[in-house]
Amino acid sequence: MNENYEKLIQPSEFADDEPVEFAAVDKCLLPSPIEEKNWVHISERLWARLLSNGASYGLHFHQVIEPVIDTVLNSKQCEAFAEELEFLAGVANDPAFLGALSVVRTEVSKVVNRQNIRLVISPP
């Protein structure tokens, strides 16, 4: 692979990007500000890649998640999101993307089957 393109799949390429934040929190804490310790982050460019892949495969989450404002998903929505993320993980051959997917999948899994927990997604 051409080294100019090789860097596009290396996790280190995205280390200094603006973050997109994810937090699984009790719904009673919303809409109050979420403490910093609850957030996990992925690169904004990898988030864009996730959204683009969702669109290219016609996945439902692409139509539900807001690309520029906060999105809050409940347990049922996270169950479907988790299935679609699993699909993307199965078809991807991109270490940086797979790393970001892993972060998102972990946070989504905290909400599945938990009626009082919500997933908050906060783009920059």
N, C-alpha and C. Protein backbone atom coordinates (compact mmCIF):
# COMPACT_ATOMS: atom_id res chain seq x y z
N MET A 1 0.85 -1.18 0.00
CA MET A 1 0.00 0.00 0.00
C MET A 1 0.89 1.24 0.00
N ASN A 2 0.51 2.22 -0.75
CA ASN A 2 1.21 3.50 -0.81
C ASN A 2 1.25 4.12 0.59
N GLU A 3 2.43 4.55 1.01
CA GLU A 3 2.55 5.07 2.38
C GLU A 3 1.75 6.34 2.62
N ASN A 4 1.42 7.09 1.56
CA ASN A 4 0.55 8.26 1.74
C ASN A 4 -0.84 7.85 2.20
N TYR A 5 -1.27 6.67 1.80
CA TYR A 5 -2.58 6.17 2.19
C TYR A 5 -2.52 5.29 3.42
N GLU A 6 -1.39 4.66 3.64
CA GLU A 6 -1.21 3.79 4.79
C GLU A 6 -1.51 4.52 6.10
N LYS A 7 -1.12 5.78 6.17
CA LYS A 7 -1.34 6.55 7.40
C LYS A 7 -2.83 6.73 7.71
N LEU A 8 -3.68 6.62 6.71
CA LEU A 8 -5.12 6.83 6.91
C LEU A 8 -5.80 5.71 7.70
N ILE A 9 -5.07 4.63 7.92
CA ILE A 9 -5.64 3.54 8.71
C ILE A 9 -4.86 3.30 10.01
N GLN A 10 -3.94 4.19 10.31
CA GLN A 10 -3.14 4.08 11.53
C GLN A 10 -3.77 4.91 12.65
N PRO A 11 -4.04 4.31 13.79
CA PRO A 11 -4.66 5.06 14.90
C PRO A 11 -3.91 6.33 15.28
N SER A 12 -2.59 6.33 15.19
CA SER A 12 -1.81 7.51 15.58
C SER A 12 -2.12 8.73 14.71
N GLU A 13 -2.59 8.51 13.51
CA GLU A 13 -2.93 9.61 12.60
C GLU A 13 -4.06 10.49 13.16
N PHE A 14 -4.85 9.95 14.06
CA PHE A 14 -6.06 10.63 14.53
C PHE A 14 -5.94 11.15 15.96
N ALA A 15 -4.78 11.00 16.55
CA ALA A 15 -4.58 11.34 17.96
C ALA A 15 -4.88 12.79 18.30
N ASP A 16 -4.62 13.70 17.38
CA ASP A 16 -4.80 15.13 17.67
C ASP A 16 -6.10 15.71 17.12
N ASP A 17 -6.99 14.86 16.65
CA ASP A 17 -8.26 15.33 16.08
C ASP A 17 -9.19 15.87 17.16
N GLU A 18 -10.14 16.67 16.73
CA GLU A 18 -11.24 17.07 17.61
C GLU A 18 -11.98 15.81 18.02
N PRO A 19 -12.41 15.73 19.28
CA PRO A 19 -13.10 14.51 19.72
C PRO A 19 -14.62 14.57 19.52
N VAL A 20 -15.18 13.42 19.30
CA VAL A 20 -16.61 13.20 19.43
C VAL A 20 -16.75 12.42 20.73
N GLU A 21 -17.67 12.84 21.58
CA GLU A 21 -17.76 12.28 22.92
C GLU A 21 -18.99 11.37 23.06
N PHE A 22 -18.82 10.33 23.87
CA PHE A 22 -19.88 9.36 24.14
C PHE A 22 -19.94 9.14 25.64
N ALA A 23 -21.16 9.08 26.17
CA ALA A 23 -21.32 8.80 27.59
C ALA A 23 -22.60 8.01 27.81
N ALA A 24 -22.49 6.94 28.55
CA ALA A 24 -23.65 6.18 29.00
C ALA A 24 -23.97 6.68 30.40
N VAL A 25 -25.13 7.32 30.57
CA VAL A 25 -25.48 7.94 31.85
C VAL A 25 -26.93 7.63 32.23
N ASP A 26 -27.19 7.72 33.51
CA ASP A 26 -28.55 7.54 34.00
C ASP A 26 -29.42 8.66 33.43
N LYS A 27 -30.61 8.30 32.97
CA LYS A 27 -31.48 9.29 32.34
C LYS A 27 -31.89 10.41 33.29
N CYS A 28 -31.84 10.17 34.59
CA CYS A 28 -32.21 11.22 35.55
C CYS A 28 -31.18 12.35 35.58
N LEU A 29 -29.98 12.10 35.04
CA LEU A 29 -28.94 13.14 34.98
C LEU A 29 -29.11 14.09 33.80
N LEU A 30 -30.00 13.74 32.89
CA LEU A 30 -30.18 14.57 31.69
C LEU A 30 -31.33 15.53 31.89
N PRO A 31 -31.28 16.72 31.39
CA PRO A 31 -30.30 17.28 30.46
C PRO A 31 -29.15 18.03 31.10
N SER A 32 -28.88 17.78 32.35
CA SER A 32 -27.77 18.47 33.02
C SER A 32 -26.43 18.15 32.35
N PRO A 33 -25.44 19.00 32.56
CA PRO A 33 -24.10 18.70 32.03
C PRO A 33 -23.57 17.38 32.59
N ILE A 34 -22.85 16.66 31.77
CA ILE A 34 -22.29 15.36 32.16
C ILE A 34 -20.85 15.57 32.61
N GLU A 35 -20.50 14.96 33.73
CA GLU A 35 -19.14 15.10 34.26
C GLU A 35 -18.12 14.54 33.27
N GLU A 36 -16.98 15.18 33.23
CA GLU A 36 -15.91 14.79 32.30
C GLU A 36 -15.52 13.32 32.45
N LYS A 37 -15.54 12.79 33.66
CA LYS A 37 -15.11 11.41 33.89
C LYS A 37 -16.00 10.39 33.18
N ASN A 38 -17.20 10.78 32.78
CA ASN A 38 -18.13 9.86 32.12
C ASN A 38 -17.95 9.77 30.62
N TRP A 39 -17.20 10.68 30.05
CA TRP A 39 -17.05 10.72 28.59
C TRP A 39 -15.91 9.83 28.10
N VAL A 40 -16.14 9.21 26.96
CA VAL A 40 -15.07 8.58 26.19
C VAL A 40 -15.07 9.28 24.84
N HIS A 41 -13.95 9.20 24.13
CA HIS A 41 -13.80 10.00 22.92
C HIS A 41 -13.29 9.16 21.75
N ILE A 42 -13.69 9.58 20.55
CA ILE A 42 -13.06 9.10 19.33
C ILE A 42 -12.80 10.31 18.44
N SER A 43 -11.99 10.13 17.46
CA SER A 43 -11.65 11.19 16.52
C SER A 43 -12.87 11.62 15.69
N GLU A 44 -12.96 12.91 15.47
CA GLU A 44 -14.04 13.43 14.62
C GLU A 44 -13.97 12.84 13.21
N ARG A 45 -12.77 12.65 12.68
CA ARG A 45 -12.65 12.05 11.34
C ARG A 45 -13.08 10.59 11.33
N LEU A 46 -12.79 9.87 12.41
CA LEU A 46 -13.24 8.48 12.47
C LEU A 46 -14.75 8.41 12.69
N TRP A 47 -15.31 9.36 13.40
CA TRP A 47 -16.77 9.45 13.54
C TRP A 47 -17.40 9.70 12.18
N ALA A 48 -16.81 10.60 11.40
CA ALA A 48 -17.31 10.84 10.05
C ALA A 48 -17.23 9.57 9.20
N ARG A 49 -16.16 8.81 9.39
CA ARG A 49 -16.01 7.53 8.68
C ARG A 49 -17.11 6.56 9.09
N LEU A 50 -17.42 6.53 10.39
CA LEU A 50 -18.48 5.65 10.88
C LEU A 50 -19.83 6.05 10.26
N LEU A 51 -20.12 7.34 10.27
CA LEU A 51 -21.38 7.82 9.67
C LEU A 51 -21.43 7.53 8.18
N SER A 52 -20.31 7.72 7.49
CA SER A 52 -20.26 7.45 6.04
C SER A 52 -20.47 5.98 5.75
N ASN A 53 -19.85 5.12 6.55
CA ASN A 53 -20.05 3.68 6.36
C ASN A 53 -21.50 3.30 6.63
N GLY A 54 -22.09 3.89 7.64
CA GLY A 54 -23.50 3.64 7.92
C GLY A 54 -24.37 4.02 6.73
N ALA A 55 -24.07 5.17 6.14
CA ALA A 55 -24.84 5.62 4.97
C ALA A 55 -24.61 4.70 3.77
N SER A 56 -23.36 4.30 3.55
CA SER A 56 -23.05 3.49 2.38
C SER A 56 -23.69 2.10 2.44
N TYR A 57 -23.91 1.59 3.65
CA TYR A 57 -24.57 0.29 3.81
C TYR A 57 -26.06 0.43 4.09
N GLY A 58 -26.56 1.65 4.13
CA GLY A 58 -27.98 1.88 4.39
C GLY A 58 -28.41 1.48 5.79
N LEU A 59 -27.51 1.66 6.77
CA LEU A 59 -27.82 1.29 8.15
C LEU A 59 -28.69 2.35 8.82
N HIS A 60 -29.56 1.90 9.69
CA HIS A 60 -30.56 2.76 10.32
C HIS A 60 -29.95 3.88 11.16
N PHE A 61 -28.87 3.58 11.90
CA PHE A 61 -28.31 4.58 12.81
C PHE A 61 -27.92 5.86 12.08
N HIS A 62 -27.53 5.72 10.83
CA HIS A 62 -27.12 6.89 10.05
C HIS A 62 -28.24 7.92 9.95
N GLN A 63 -29.48 7.45 9.94
CA GLN A 63 -30.63 8.35 9.82
C GLN A 63 -31.08 8.90 11.17
N VAL A 64 -30.68 8.26 12.26
CA VAL A 64 -31.13 8.64 13.60
C VAL A 64 -30.17 9.59 14.29
N ILE A 65 -28.88 9.40 14.07
CA ILE A 65 -27.87 10.17 14.78
C ILE A 65 -27.63 11.50 14.09
N GLU A 66 -27.64 12.55 14.88
CA GLU A 66 -27.38 13.89 14.38
C GLU A 66 -25.87 14.09 14.23
N PRO A 67 -25.41 14.53 13.07
CA PRO A 67 -23.96 14.67 12.87
C PRO A 67 -23.33 15.89 13.56
N VAL A 68 -24.14 16.91 13.91
CA VAL A 68 -23.55 18.14 14.45
C VAL A 68 -24.13 18.60 15.79
N ILE A 69 -25.16 17.94 16.28
CA ILE A 69 -25.70 18.27 17.60
C ILE A 69 -25.80 16.99 18.43
N ASP A 70 -25.97 17.14 19.74
CA ASP A 70 -26.06 15.98 20.61
C ASP A 70 -27.23 15.07 20.23
N THR A 71 -26.99 13.78 20.35
CA THR A 71 -28.02 12.76 20.15
C THR A 71 -28.09 11.95 21.43
N VAL A 72 -29.30 11.60 21.85
CA VAL A 72 -29.50 10.75 23.01
C VAL A 72 -30.28 9.52 22.56
N LEU A 73 -29.70 8.33 22.84
CA LEU A 73 -30.33 7.07 22.45
C LEU A 73 -30.73 6.28 23.67
N ASN A 74 -31.89 5.64 23.59
CA ASN A 74 -32.36 4.79 24.69
C ASN A 74 -31.90 3.35 24.48
N SER A 75 -32.31 2.47 25.36
CA SER A 75 -31.87 1.08 25.35
C SER A 75 -32.24 0.37 24.04
N LYS A 76 -33.45 0.52 23.60
CA LYS A 76 -33.92 -0.14 22.37
C LYS A 76 -33.13 0.36 21.16
N GLN A 77 -32.91 1.65 21.09
CA GLN A 77 -32.14 2.22 19.98
C GLN A 77 -30.69 1.72 20.02
N CYS A 78 -30.14 1.60 21.22
CA CYS A 78 -28.76 1.12 21.35
C CYS A 78 -28.64 -0.35 20.98
N GLU A 79 -29.69 -1.11 21.20
CA GLU A 79 -29.68 -2.52 20.80
C GLU A 79 -29.51 -2.62 19.28
N ALA A 80 -30.28 -1.83 18.54
CA ALA A 80 -30.17 -1.83 17.07
C ALA A 80 -28.82 -1.26 16.63
N PHE A 81 -28.38 -0.20 17.29
CA PHE A 81 -27.09 0.42 16.98
C PHE A 81 -25.96 -0.59 17.19
N ALA A 82 -26.03 -1.35 18.27
CA ALA A 82 -25.00 -2.36 18.56
C ALA A 82 -24.92 -3.41 17.46
N GLU A 83 -26.05 -3.84 16.95
CA GLU A 83 -26.07 -4.82 15.86
C GLU A 83 -25.42 -4.25 14.60
N GLU A 84 -25.71 -2.99 14.31
CA GLU A 84 -25.13 -2.37 13.12
C GLU A 84 -23.63 -2.14 13.29
N LEU A 85 -23.21 -1.77 14.49
CA LEU A 85 -21.78 -1.61 14.75
C LEU A 85 -21.05 -2.94 14.62
N GLU A 86 -21.68 -4.01 15.07
CA GLU A 86 -21.09 -5.34 14.94
C GLU A 86 -20.91 -5.69 13.46
N PHE A 87 -21.90 -5.36 12.65
CA PHE A 87 -21.79 -5.59 11.21
C PHE A 87 -20.60 -4.82 10.64
N LEU A 88 -20.50 -3.54 10.97
CA LEU A 88 -19.39 -2.72 10.46
C LEU A 88 -18.04 -3.28 10.89
N ALA A 89 -17.96 -3.75 12.12
CA ALA A 89 -16.70 -4.34 12.60
C ALA A 89 -16.35 -5.58 11.80
N GLY A 90 -17.35 -6.30 11.34
CA GLY A 90 -17.11 -7.52 10.57
C GLY A 90 -16.67 -7.28 9.15
N VAL A 91 -16.99 -6.12 8.60
CA VAL A 91 -16.62 -5.85 7.20
C VAL A 91 -15.43 -4.91 7.06
N ALA A 92 -15.01 -4.32 8.16
CA ALA A 92 -13.92 -3.34 8.11
C ALA A 92 -12.56 -4.02 8.18
N ASN A 93 -11.61 -3.42 7.46
CA ASN A 93 -10.21 -3.86 7.50
C ASN A 93 -9.35 -2.62 7.68
N ASP A 94 -9.60 -1.91 8.75
CA ASP A 94 -9.01 -0.60 8.99
C ASP A 94 -8.73 -0.48 10.49
N PRO A 95 -7.49 -0.62 10.91
CA PRO A 95 -7.18 -0.61 12.35
C PRO A 95 -7.67 0.63 13.10
N ALA A 96 -7.55 1.80 12.50
CA ALA A 96 -8.00 3.02 13.18
C ALA A 96 -9.51 3.01 13.35
N PHE A 97 -10.21 2.64 12.32
CA PHE A 97 -11.67 2.58 12.35
C PHE A 97 -12.14 1.53 13.34
N LEU A 98 -11.50 0.36 13.33
CA LEU A 98 -11.88 -0.70 14.26
C LEU A 98 -11.64 -0.29 15.71
N GLY A 99 -10.58 0.46 15.96
CA GLY A 99 -10.33 0.97 17.31
C GLY A 99 -11.44 1.91 17.77
N ALA A 100 -11.84 2.81 16.88
CA ALA A 100 -12.92 3.74 17.21
C ALA A 100 -14.24 2.99 17.40
N LEU A 101 -14.49 2.01 16.55
CA LEU A 101 -15.70 1.20 16.70
C LEU A 101 -15.74 0.50 18.06
N SER A 102 -14.60 0.02 18.50
CA SER A 102 -14.52 -0.67 19.78
C SER A 102 -14.92 0.26 20.92
N VAL A 103 -14.46 1.49 20.87
CA VAL A 103 -14.81 2.48 21.90
C VAL A 103 -16.32 2.72 21.90
N VAL A 104 -16.88 2.93 20.72
CA VAL A 104 -18.32 3.20 20.61
C VAL A 104 -19.12 1.98 21.05
N ARG A 105 -18.71 0.80 20.60
CA ARG A 105 -19.44 -0.43 20.95
C ARG A 105 -19.45 -0.66 22.47
N THR A 106 -18.34 -0.38 23.12
CA THR A 106 -18.28 -0.55 24.57
C THR A 106 -19.29 0.37 25.26
N GLU A 107 -19.36 1.60 24.82
CA GLU A 107 -20.29 2.55 25.45
C GLU A 107 -21.74 2.18 25.14
N VAL A 108 -22.00 1.77 23.91
CA VAL A 108 -23.35 1.35 23.52
C VAL A 108 -23.79 0.15 24.36
N SER A 109 -22.88 -0.79 24.60
CA SER A 109 -23.23 -2.00 25.35
C SER A 109 -23.65 -1.68 26.78
N LYS A 110 -23.21 -0.56 27.31
CA LYS A 110 -23.60 -0.16 28.67
C LYS A 110 -25.07 0.25 28.76
N VAL A 111 -25.68 0.51 27.62
CA VAL A 111 -27.06 0.99 27.58
C VAL A 111 -28.04 -0.14 27.22
N VAL A 112 -27.59 -1.10 26.43
CA VAL A 112 -28.46 -2.19 25.98
C VAL A 112 -29.05 -2.91 27.20
N ASN A 113 -30.35 -3.12 27.16
CA ASN A 113 -31.11 -3.81 28.21
C ASN A 113 -31.12 -3.08 29.56
N ARG A 114 -30.85 -1.79 29.54
CA ARG A 114 -30.88 -1.00 30.78
C ARG A 114 -31.79 0.22 30.54
N GLN A 115 -33.02 0.10 30.97
CA GLN A 115 -34.04 1.10 30.67
C GLN A 115 -33.75 2.49 31.25
N ASN A 116 -32.96 2.59 32.30
CA ASN A 116 -32.69 3.88 32.93
C ASN A 116 -31.42 4.56 32.43
N ILE A 117 -30.73 3.93 31.49
CA ILE A 117 -29.47 4.48 30.98
C ILE A 117 -29.68 5.00 29.55
N ARG A 118 -29.02 6.09 29.25
CA ARG A 118 -29.07 6.68 27.91
C ARG A 118 -27.65 6.84 27.39
N LEU A 119 -27.50 6.75 26.08
CA LEU A 119 -26.24 7.04 25.43
C LEU A 119 -26.32 8.45 24.87
N VAL A 120 -25.37 9.28 25.29
CA VAL A 120 -25.29 10.64 24.76
C VAL A 120 -24.09 10.69 23.82
N ILE A 121 -24.35 11.18 22.61
CA ILE A 121 -23.30 11.36 21.61
C ILE A 121 -23.19 12.85 21.36
N SER A 122 -21.97 13.38 21.55
CA SER A 122 -21.77 14.83 21.45
C SER A 122 -20.64 15.16 20.47
N PRO A 123 -21.01 15.53 19.23
CA PRO A 123 -19.97 15.94 18.29
C PRO A 123 -19.42 17.31 18.65
N PRO A 124 -18.24 17.65 18.12
CA PRO A 124 -17.66 18.97 18.46
C PRO A 124 -18.49 20.13 17.94
